[in-house]
Protein backbone atom coordinates (compact mmCIF):
# COMPACT_ATOMS: atom_id res chain seq x y z
CA MET A 1 -3.14 -0.12 162.71
CA ALA A 2 0.43 -0.06 163.78
CA LEU A 3 2.31 3.18 164.21
CA THR A 4 5.18 4.19 161.92
CA GLU A 5 8.71 4.65 163.22
CA HIS A 6 8.27 8.52 162.99
CA GLU A 7 4.95 8.63 164.94
CA VAL A 8 6.68 6.40 167.53
CA LEU A 9 9.69 9.05 167.85
CA MET A 10 7.36 11.83 168.11
CA HIS A 11 5.06 10.29 170.78
CA ILE A 12 8.03 9.17 172.80
CA VAL A 13 9.52 12.36 173.10
CA PHE A 14 6.09 14.71 172.72
CA PRO A 15 3.00 12.59 174.28
CA GLU A 16 0.82 15.72 173.95
CA GLY A 17 1.42 18.73 171.56
CA ALA A 18 4.04 17.25 169.49
CA GLY A 19 3.72 19.78 166.62
CA GLY A 20 3.49 23.33 168.75
CA ARG A 21 6.16 22.00 170.93
CA LEU A 22 8.58 20.96 168.42
CA ALA A 23 8.25 24.48 166.81
CA ARG A 24 9.08 26.15 170.21
CA VAL A 25 11.98 24.27 170.41
CA PHE A 26 13.45 25.26 166.85
CA GLY A 27 11.90 28.49 166.78
CA VAL A 28 9.99 28.24 164.09
CA ASP A 29 6.22 28.93 163.31
CA THR A 30 3.85 26.33 165.04
CA ARG A 31 2.11 25.46 161.58
CA THR A 32 5.89 24.17 160.63
CA GLY A 33 6.11 22.13 163.45
CA GLN A 34 2.59 20.49 163.01
CA ARG A 35 3.82 20.01 159.34
CA TRP A 36 6.77 18.09 160.51
CA ASN A 37 4.91 16.35 162.90
CA LYS A 38 2.22 15.21 160.41
CA GLN A 39 4.85 14.54 157.76
CA GLU A 40 3.44 17.00 155.56
CA MET A 41 6.90 18.42 154.85
CA PRO A 42 10.29 17.16 155.19
CA MET A 43 11.89 17.42 158.67
CA PRO A 44 15.19 18.67 158.68
CA ALA A 45 18.05 16.15 159.37
CA GLU A 46 19.07 18.21 162.43
CA VAL A 47 15.63 18.41 163.99
CA LYS A 48 15.20 14.42 163.36
CA ALA A 49 18.65 13.96 165.18
CA TRP A 50 17.47 16.09 168.23
CA LEU A 51 14.49 13.84 168.31
CA GLU A 52 16.38 10.87 168.34
CA ASP A 53 18.98 12.19 170.81
CA GLN A 54 15.91 13.10 173.10
CA GLN A 55 14.55 9.66 172.89
CA GLU A 56 17.95 8.06 173.83
CA LYS A 57 18.00 10.31 176.80
CA ILE A 58 14.54 9.34 177.84
CA PHE A 59 15.24 5.87 177.58
CA THR A 60 18.09 5.82 179.92
CA ILE A 61 16.00 7.20 182.30
CA VAL A 62 12.91 5.03 181.78
CA ASN A 63 12.28 2.42 179.28
CA PRO A 64 9.97 1.58 177.16
CA TYR A 65 7.70 4.79 177.70
CA PRO A 66 7.79 7.64 180.12
CA ASP A 67 4.11 8.24 179.81
CA ALA A 68 3.46 4.70 180.92
CA VAL A 69 5.18 5.61 184.10
CA LEU A 70 3.27 8.86 184.60
CA ARG A 71 0.00 7.10 183.82
CA ALA A 72 0.78 4.26 186.56
CA LEU A 73 1.59 7.09 188.94
CA VAL A 74 -1.61 9.14 187.96
CA GLN A 75 -3.68 5.32 188.30
CA ARG A 76 -1.80 4.85 191.86
CA MET A 77 -3.04 8.22 192.84
CA ARG A 78 -6.69 7.36 191.88
CA ASP A 79 -6.40 4.23 193.43
CA ALA A 80 -5.50 5.77 196.82
CA GLY A 81 -8.59 7.55 196.57
CA VAL A 82 -6.77 10.97 195.60
CA HIS A 83 -9.55 13.31 193.75
CA ASP A 84 -8.62 13.88 189.90
CA GLU A 85 -8.51 17.68 190.54
CA ALA A 86 -5.93 17.24 193.37
CA ILE A 87 -3.95 15.00 190.53
CA ALA A 88 -4.13 17.63 187.78
CA SER A 89 -2.95 20.08 190.23
CA TYR A 90 0.24 18.19 190.73
CA LEU A 91 0.87 17.71 186.94
CA ALA A 92 -0.09 21.70 186.61
CA GLU A 93 2.95 22.34 189.17
CA ALA A 94 5.18 19.90 187.53
CA HIS A 95 4.58 21.87 184.18
CA VAL A 96 5.40 25.29 185.89
CA GLU A 97 8.19 23.75 187.13
CA VAL A 98 9.62 22.15 183.75
CA LEU A 99 8.63 25.35 181.60
CA GLY A 100 8.34 28.14 183.87
CA ARG A 101 4.87 28.97 182.76
CA THR A 102 1.19 27.82 183.57
CA ILE A 103 -0.57 25.17 180.97
CA ARG A 104 -2.25 27.05 178.39
């Protein structure tokens, strides 16, 4: 089953935890972000415009999908024999660097 344009856009900008992350960006209730993500309620035009802008910015760095680049790096580390816990530690450290808090 092919993904809809909306699903692709959401996955490109937020490959994990899209509803909650979108809610935090726009300062709305988590459930509202989840409803936007699942298309259970209309997404405001400014939210869609922001997502499209983020997608464009992401594609200027890596195209077509940034998660593919990250997954390839993780696979290279695994192929080199780096333990999954060590890899996860690097990802957790990057999370703290990006958001200033640990992974929940």
